[in-house]
């Protein structure tokens, strides 16, 4: 049976026998509380007692902490059309989400945005920042620039293009290619130098800021 926690105890004006039932219930409540996620072995000196077996997060729409204080990780089942609970992160400034419908910015980017144009972030260390993945669709003429939704920490490792409209990749206008890339943009071209407008899907991978 579930036990309710009674506070404050003991009461200075009570005899111990009066508070004893509630104190026993409180002790049992704490055991049940710890048993949810922790290793607990009654009447033993198990070295693993107190360690986590898992971390269970209750579903909350917001973490319930004042802005500008501690960071909080929490679960929320209300994420667009995704039916399962998703992991969120509040950095004390705003809801920078580990899982989101719209892209966040900085080191707490959405994972993933689940959209045709999106951003995803794989955490790393302070020394390397982490891995940033971005993708989308654009239409530009030869020499045109596509702007990344979020700036990379350095020029991305790779930008891959796939033509999605005329002319195709083997047309007389030449193969679609990346001429140059920076932390904020990449430039398209073709192997013939002909001026031509392309519609293309792209994906870029590089270091986060």
C-alpha atoms as a PDB file:
ATOM      1  CA  UNK A   1       0.000   0.000   0.000  1.00  0.00           C
ATOM      2  CA  UNK A   2       1.244   3.573  -0.638  1.00  0.00           C
ATOM      3  CA  UNK A   3       2.348   5.547   2.386  1.00  0.00           C
ATOM      4  CA  UNK A   4       1.785   9.276   2.853  1.00  0.00           C
ATOM      5  CA  UNK A   5       4.566  11.451   4.249  1.00  0.00           C
ATOM      6  CA  UNK A   6       3.661  13.512   7.334  1.00  0.00           C
ATOM      7  CA  UNK A   7       5.669  16.643   8.119  1.00  0.00           C
ATOM      8  CA  UNK A   8       6.945  18.001  10.455  1.00  0.00           C
ATOM      9  CA  UNK A   9       7.787  15.175  12.828  1.00  0.00           C
ATOM     10  CA  UNK A  10       8.411  14.666  15.654  1.00  0.00           C
ATOM     11  CA  UNK A  11       6.166  17.283  17.256  1.00  0.00           C
ATOM     12  CA  UNK A  12       7.799  18.793  20.357  1.00  0.00           C
ATOM     13  CA  UNK A  13       4.605  18.668  22.424  1.00  0.00           C
ATOM     14  CA  UNK A  14       3.726  15.061  21.548  1.00  0.00           C
ATOM     15  CA  UNK A  15       4.643  11.891  23.400  1.00  0.00           C
ATOM     16  CA  UNK A  16       6.841   9.599  21.254  1.00  0.00           C
ATOM     17  CA  UNK A  17       4.031   7.040  21.134  1.00  0.00           C
ATOM     18  CA  UNK A  18       1.793   9.595  19.412  1.00  0.00           C
ATOM     19  CA  UNK A  19       4.300  10.344  16.636  1.00  0.00           C
ATOM     20  CA  UNK A  20       5.635   6.793  16.281  1.00  0.00           C
ATOM     21  CA  UNK A  21       2.997   5.529  13.758  1.00  0.00           C
ATOM     22  CA  UNK A  22       3.542   8.530  11.473  1.00  0.00           C
ATOM     23  CA  UNK A  23       7.336   8.273  11.778  1.00  0.00           C
ATOM     24  CA  UNK A  24       7.137   4.592  10.818  1.00  0.00           C
ATOM     25  CA  UNK A  25       4.977   5.530   7.820  1.00  0.00           C
ATOM     26  CA  UNK A  26       7.477   8.248   6.876  1.00  0.00           C
ATOM     27  CA  UNK A  27      10.355   5.772   6.967  1.00  0.00           C
ATOM     28  CA  UNK A  28       8.420   3.356   4.763  1.00  0.00           C
ATOM     29  CA  UNK A  29       7.542   6.199   2.400  1.00  0.00           C
ATOM     30  CA  UNK A  30      11.236   7.058   2.006  1.00  0.00           C
ATOM     31  CA  UNK A  31      12.049   3.399   1.307  1.00  0.00           C
ATOM     32  CA  UNK A  32       9.324   3.208  -1.335  1.00  0.00           C
ATOM     33  CA  UNK A  33      10.556   6.513  -2.728  1.00  0.00           C
ATOM     34  CA  UNK A  34      14.137   5.258  -3.059  1.00  0.00           C
ATOM     35  CA  UNK A  35      13.118   1.842  -4.378  1.00  0.00           C
ATOM     36  CA  UNK A  36      11.670   3.368  -7.546  1.00  0.00           C
ATOM     37  CA  UNK A  37      15.058   4.031  -9.123  1.00  0.00           C
ATOM     38  CA  UNK A  38      17.689   2.981  -6.602  1.00  0.00           C
ATOM     39  CA  UNK A  39      19.336  -0.205  -5.466  1.00  0.00           C
ATOM     40  CA  UNK A  40      18.107  -0.940  -1.930  1.00  0.00           C
ATOM     41  CA  UNK A  41      18.635  -4.159   0.012  1.00  0.00           C
ATOM     42  CA  UNK A  42      16.943  -4.357   3.393  1.00  0.00           C
ATOM     43  CA  UNK A  43      19.018  -5.722   6.321  1.00  0.00           C
ATOM     44  CA  UNK A  44      22.277  -5.940   4.384  1.00  0.00           C
ATOM     45  CA  UNK A  45      25.449  -4.029   3.659  1.00  0.00           C
ATOM     46  CA  UNK A  46      25.218  -4.335  -0.126  1.00  0.00           C
ATOM     47  CA  UNK A  47      27.910  -2.102  -1.661  1.00  0.00           C
ATOM     48  CA  UNK A  48      25.533  -1.172  -4.492  1.00  0.00           C
ATOM     49  CA  UNK A  49      22.813   0.160  -2.191  1.00  0.00           C
ATOM     50  CA  UNK A  50      21.959   3.764  -3.026  1.00  0.00           C
ATOM     51  CA  UNK A  51      23.199   3.576  -6.624  1.00  0.00           C
ATOM     52  CA  UNK A  52      20.794   4.208  -9.494  1.00  0.00           C
ATOM     53  CA  UNK A  53      19.177   1.302 -11.282  1.00  0.00           C
ATOM     54  CA  UNK A  54      17.561   3.771 -13.699  1.00  0.00           C
ATOM     55  CA  UNK A  55      16.328   7.359 -13.849  1.00  0.00           C
ATOM     56  CA  UNK A  56      12.573   7.735 -14.255  1.00  0.00           C
ATOM     57  CA  UNK A  57      11.278  11.165 -15.271  1.00  0.00           C
ATOM     58  CA  UNK A  58       7.618  12.070 -14.841  1.00  0.00           C
ATOM     59  CA  UNK A  59       5.956  13.812 -17.774  1.00  0.00           C
ATOM     60  CA  UNK A  60       5.790  17.574 -17.280  1.00  0.00           C
ATOM     61  CA  UNK A  61       5.034  20.347 -19.735  1.00  0.00           C
ATOM     62  CA  UNK A  62       7.587  22.588 -17.990  1.00  0.00           C
ATOM     63  CA  UNK A  63      10.281  21.783 -15.427  1.00  0.00           C
ATOM     64  CA  UNK A  64       8.905  24.253 -12.881  1.00  0.00           C
ATOM     65  CA  UNK A  65      12.156  26.056 -12.044  1.00  0.00           C
ATOM     66  CA  UNK A  66      12.691  29.837 -11.980  1.00  0.00           C
ATOM     67  CA  UNK A  67      14.519  31.254 -14.988  1.00  0.00           C
ATOM     68  CA  UNK A  68      18.232  31.809 -14.457  1.00  0.00           C
ATOM     69  CA  UNK A  69      18.782  29.117 -11.816  1.00  0.00           C
ATOM     70  CA  UNK A  70      19.631  25.409 -12.023  1.00  0.00           C
ATOM     71  CA  UNK A  71      19.542  23.265 -15.147  1.00  0.00           C
ATOM     72  CA  UNK A  72      16.874  20.564 -15.286  1.00  0.00           C
ATOM     73  CA  UNK A  73      16.284  17.516 -17.485  1.00  0.00           C
ATOM     74  CA  UNK A  74      12.685  16.377 -17.649  1.00  0.00           C
ATOM     75  CA  UNK A  75      10.254  14.313 -19.715  1.00  0.00           C
ATOM     76  CA  UNK A  76       7.279  15.609 -21.667  1.00  0.00           C
ATOM     77  CA  UNK A  77       4.878  13.485 -23.694  1.00  0.00           C
ATOM     78  CA  UNK A  78       3.364  16.507 -25.478  1.00  0.00           C
ATOM     79  CA  UNK A  79       5.842  16.861 -28.345  1.00  0.00           C
ATOM     80  CA  UNK A  80       3.954  17.477 -31.594  1.00  0.00           C
ATOM     81  CA  UNK A  81       2.597  14.234 -33.007  1.00  0.00           C
ATOM     82  CA  UNK A  82       5.178  12.080 -31.201  1.00  0.00           C
ATOM     83  CA  UNK A  83       3.136   9.790 -28.895  1.00  0.00           C
ATOM     84  CA  UNK A  84       5.957   8.739 -26.579  1.00  0.00           C
ATOM     85  CA  UNK A  85       7.631  10.684 -23.813  1.00  0.00           C
ATOM     86  CA  UNK A  86      10.568  12.783 -25.007  1.00  0.00           C
ATOM     87  CA  UNK A  87      13.558  14.200 -23.135  1.00  0.00           C
ATOM     88  CA  UNK A  88      13.825  17.978 -22.613  1.00  0.00           C
ATOM     89  CA  UNK A  89      16.439  20.199 -21.012  1.00  0.00           C
ATOM     90  CA  UNK A  90      16.008  23.572 -19.333  1.00  0.00           C
ATOM     91  CA  UNK A  91      19.293  25.436 -18.902  1.00  0.00           C
ATOM     92  CA  UNK A  92      17.866  27.955 -16.420  1.00  0.00           C
ATOM     93  CA  UNK A  93      17.489  30.610 -19.117  1.00  0.00           C
ATOM     94  CA  UNK A  94      14.782  29.072 -21.275  1.00  0.00           C
ATOM     95  CA  UNK A  95      13.488  25.785 -22.601  1.00  0.00           C
ATOM     96  CA  UNK A  96      16.408  24.657 -24.729  1.00  0.00           C
ATOM     97  CA  UNK A  97      15.156  21.240 -25.732  1.00  0.00           C
ATOM     98  CA  UNK A  98      16.955  17.986 -26.359  1.00  0.00           C
ATOM     99  CA  UNK A  99      13.863  16.900 -28.258  1.00  0.00           C
ATOM    100  CA  UNK A 100      11.693  19.477 -29.971  1.00  0.00           C
ATOM    101  CA  UNK A 101       9.515  20.325 -32.943  1.00  0.00           C
ATOM    102  CA  UNK A 102      11.324  23.595 -33.703  1.00  0.00           C
ATOM    103  CA  UNK A 103      15.093  24.011 -33.701  1.00  0.00           C
ATOM    104  CA  UNK A 104      16.759  25.580 -30.700  1.00  0.00           C
ATOM    105  CA  UNK A 105      20.174  27.238 -30.886  1.00  0.00           C
ATOM    106  CA  UNK A 106      23.497  26.814 -29.150  1.00  0.00           C
ATOM    107  CA  UNK A 107      24.599  23.651 -27.326  1.00  0.00           C
ATOM    108  CA  UNK A 108      21.048  22.499 -26.589  1.00  0.00           C
ATOM    109  CA  UNK A 109      19.802  21.917 -30.133  1.00  0.00           C
ATOM    110  CA  UNK A 110      16.829  19.769 -30.994  1.00  0.00           C
ATOM    111  CA  UNK A 111      17.465  16.027 -31.438  1.00  0.00           C
ATOM    112  CA  UNK A 112      15.976  15.893 -34.032  1.00  0.00           C
ATOM    113  CA  UNK A 113      13.506  18.477 -35.344  1.00  0.00           C
ATOM    114  CA  UNK A 114      11.607  15.796 -37.325  1.00  0.00           C
ATOM    115  CA  UNK A 115      11.019  18.169 -40.230  1.00  0.00           C
ATOM    116  CA  UNK A 116      12.096  18.631 -43.869  1.00  0.00           C
ATOM    117  CA  UNK A 117      14.410  21.417 -42.709  1.00  0.00           C
ATOM    118  CA  UNK A 118      16.032  20.768 -39.378  1.00  0.00           C
ATOM    119  CA  UNK A 119      18.906  20.787 -36.932  1.00  0.00           C
ATOM    120  CA  UNK A 120      20.279  18.121 -34.616  1.00  0.00           C
ATOM    121  CA  UNK A 121      23.050  18.211 -32.025  1.00  0.00           C
ATOM    122  CA  UNK A 122      25.128  15.379 -30.576  1.00  0.00           C
ATOM    123  CA  UNK A 123      26.814  16.526 -27.334  1.00  0.00           C
ATOM    124  CA  UNK A 124      30.575  16.439 -27.070  1.00  0.00           C
ATOM    125  CA  UNK A 125      33.103  17.859 -24.641  1.00  0.00           C
ATOM    126  CA  UNK A 126      33.970  21.442 -23.814  1.00  0.00           C
ATOM    127  CA  UNK A 127      37.115  21.094 -25.918  1.00  0.00           C
ATOM    128  CA  UNK A 128      35.361  20.056 -29.136  1.00  0.00           C
ATOM    129  CA  UNK A 129      31.838  21.432 -28.646  1.00  0.00           C
ATOM    130  CA  UNK A 130      29.924  18.513 -30.116  1.00  0.00           C
ATOM    131  CA  UNK A 131      28.642  17.385 -33.499  1.00  0.00           C
ATOM    132  CA  UNK A 132      26.119  19.562 -35.344  1.00  0.00           C
ATOM    133  CA  UNK A 133      23.951  18.099 -38.134  1.00  0.00           C
ATOM    134  CA  UNK A 134      21.729  20.285 -40.326  1.00  0.00           C
ATOM    135  CA  UNK A 135      19.628  19.561 -43.391  1.00  0.00           C
ATOM    136  CA  UNK A 136      17.138  21.231 -45.709  1.00  0.00           C
ATOM    137  CA  UNK A 137      15.940  22.074 -49.214  1.00  0.00           C
ATOM    138  CA  UNK A 138      16.820  25.172 -51.256  1.00  0.00           C
ATOM    139  CA  UNK A 139      16.700  26.578 -54.784  1.00  0.00           C
ATOM    140  CA  UNK A 140      19.659  28.619 -56.007  1.00  0.00           C
ATOM    141  CA  UNK A 141      21.425  29.490 -59.250  1.00  0.00           C
ATOM    142  CA  UNK A 142      25.022  28.464 -59.888  1.00  0.00           C
ATOM    143  CA  UNK A 143      27.205  30.447 -57.473  1.00  0.00           C
ATOM    144  CA  UNK A 144      24.320  30.989 -55.036  1.00  0.00           C
ATOM    145  CA  UNK A 145      24.647  30.635 -51.274  1.00  0.00           C
ATOM    146  CA  UNK A 146      22.546  28.547 -48.908  1.00  0.00           C
ATOM    147  CA  UNK A 147      22.606  29.776 -45.308  1.00  0.00           C
ATOM    148  CA  UNK A 148      22.751  27.276 -42.453  1.00  0.00           C
ATOM    149  CA  UNK A 149      19.970  27.681 -39.820  1.00  0.00           C
ATOM    150  CA  UNK A 150      22.650  27.573 -37.109  1.00  0.00           C
ATOM    151  CA  UNK A 151      26.294  28.608 -37.517  1.00  0.00           C
ATOM    152  CA  UNK A 152      28.960  25.915 -37.186  1.00  0.00           C
ATOM    153  CA  UNK A 153      31.980  26.366 -34.926  1.00  0.00           C
ATOM    154  CA  UNK A 154      34.235  25.934 -37.975  1.00  0.00           C
ATOM    155  CA  UNK A 155      33.599  25.168 -41.647  1.00  0.00           C
ATOM    156  CA  UNK A 156      31.542  21.942 -41.748  1.00  0.00           C
ATOM    157  CA  UNK A 157      33.323  18.660 -42.350  1.00  0.00           C
ATOM    158  CA  UNK A 158      30.981  17.782 -45.193  1.00  0.00           C
ATOM    159  CA  UNK A 159      28.075  19.200 -47.207  1.00  0.00           C
ATOM    160  CA  UNK A 160      26.243  16.724 -49.447  1.00  0.00           C
ATOM    161  CA  UNK A 161      23.758  17.783 -52.155  1.00  0.00           C
ATOM    162  CA  UNK A 162      21.027  15.816 -53.918  1.00  0.00           C
ATOM    163  CA  UNK A 163      19.179  17.509 -56.811  1.00  0.00           C
ATOM    164  CA  UNK A 164      15.426  17.243 -56.285  1.00  0.00           C
ATOM    165  CA  UNK A 165      14.215  18.946 -59.487  1.00  0.00           C
ATOM    166  CA  UNK A 166      15.257  19.717 -63.056  1.00  0.00           C
ATOM    167  CA  UNK A 167      17.961  19.611 -64.133  1.00  0.00           C
ATOM    168  CA  UNK A 168      18.894  16.169 -62.830  1.00  0.00           C
ATOM    169  CA  UNK A 169      22.400  15.211 -61.672  1.00  0.00           C
ATOM    170  CA  UNK A 170      23.393  13.850 -65.082  1.00  0.00           C
ATOM    171  CA  UNK A 171      21.865  16.647 -67.195  1.00  0.00           C
ATOM    172  CA  UNK A 172      23.686  18.644 -69.861  1.00  0.00           C
ATOM    173  CA  UNK A 173      24.045  21.456 -67.331  1.00  0.00           C
ATOM    174  CA  UNK A 174      26.541  19.460 -65.332  1.00  0.00           C
ATOM    175  CA  UNK A 175      26.765  17.803 -61.941  1.00  0.00           C
ATOM    176  CA  UNK A 176      25.662  19.808 -58.919  1.00  0.00           C
ATOM    177  CA  UNK A 177      28.549  20.410 -56.535  1.00  0.00           C
ATOM    178  CA  UNK A 178      29.646  22.446 -53.507  1.00  0.00           C
ATOM    179  CA  UNK A 179      32.115  25.154 -54.523  1.00  0.00           C
ATOM    180  CA  UNK A 180      32.863  26.532 -51.052  1.00  0.00           C
ATOM    181  CA  UNK A 181      31.653  26.282 -47.458  1.00  0.00           C
ATOM    182  CA  UNK A 182      31.983  28.486 -44.383  1.00  0.00           C
ATOM    183  CA  UNK A 183      30.596  28.385 -40.852  1.00  0.00           C
ATOM    184  CA  UNK A 184      27.356  30.035 -42.030  1.00  0.00           C
ATOM    185  CA  UNK A 185      26.878  29.229 -45.761  1.00  0.00           C
ATOM    186  CA  UNK A 186      27.796  26.964 -48.639  1.00  0.00           C
ATOM    187  CA  UNK A 187      28.020  27.856 -52.342  1.00  0.00           C
ATOM    188  CA  UNK A 188      26.664  25.663 -55.129  1.00  0.00           C
ATOM    189  CA  UNK A 189      28.005  25.171 -58.642  1.00  0.00           C
ATOM    190  CA  UNK A 190      28.362  22.568 -61.351  1.00  0.00           C
ATOM    191  CA  UNK A 191      31.265  20.971 -63.130  1.00  0.00           C
ATOM    192  CA  UNK A 192      30.654  22.871 -66.378  1.00  0.00           C
ATOM    193  CA  UNK A 193      30.387  26.395 -64.998  1.00  0.00           C
ATOM    194  CA  UNK A 194      27.056  26.960 -66.794  1.00  0.00           C
ATOM    195  CA  UNK A 195      24.623  29.298 -65.090  1.00  0.00           C
ATOM    196  CA  UNK A 196      21.700  27.185 -63.969  1.00  0.00           C
ATOM    197  CA  UNK A 197      19.104  27.183 -61.200  1.00  0.00           C
ATOM    198  CA  UNK A 198      18.878  24.045 -59.074  1.00  0.00           C
ATOM    199  CA  UNK A 199      16.449  22.778 -56.459  1.00  0.00           C
ATOM    200  CA  UNK A 200      18.336  20.498 -54.097  1.00  0.00           C
ATOM    201  CA  UNK A 201      18.265  18.704 -50.759  1.00  0.00           C
ATOM    202  CA  UNK A 202      21.326  19.195 -48.595  1.00  0.00           C
ATOM    203  CA  UNK A 203      22.840  17.840 -45.389  1.00  0.00           C
ATOM    204  CA  UNK A 204      25.816  19.291 -43.523  1.00  0.00           C
ATOM    205  CA  UNK A 205      27.850  17.852 -40.649  1.00  0.00           C
ATOM    206  CA  UNK A 206      30.398  19.737 -38.591  1.00  0.00           C
ATOM    207  CA  UNK A 207      31.520  21.038 -35.211  1.00  0.00           C
ATOM    208  CA  UNK A 208      29.085  22.981 -33.045  1.00  0.00           C
ATOM    209  CA  UNK A 209      29.977  26.324 -31.511  1.00  0.00           C
END
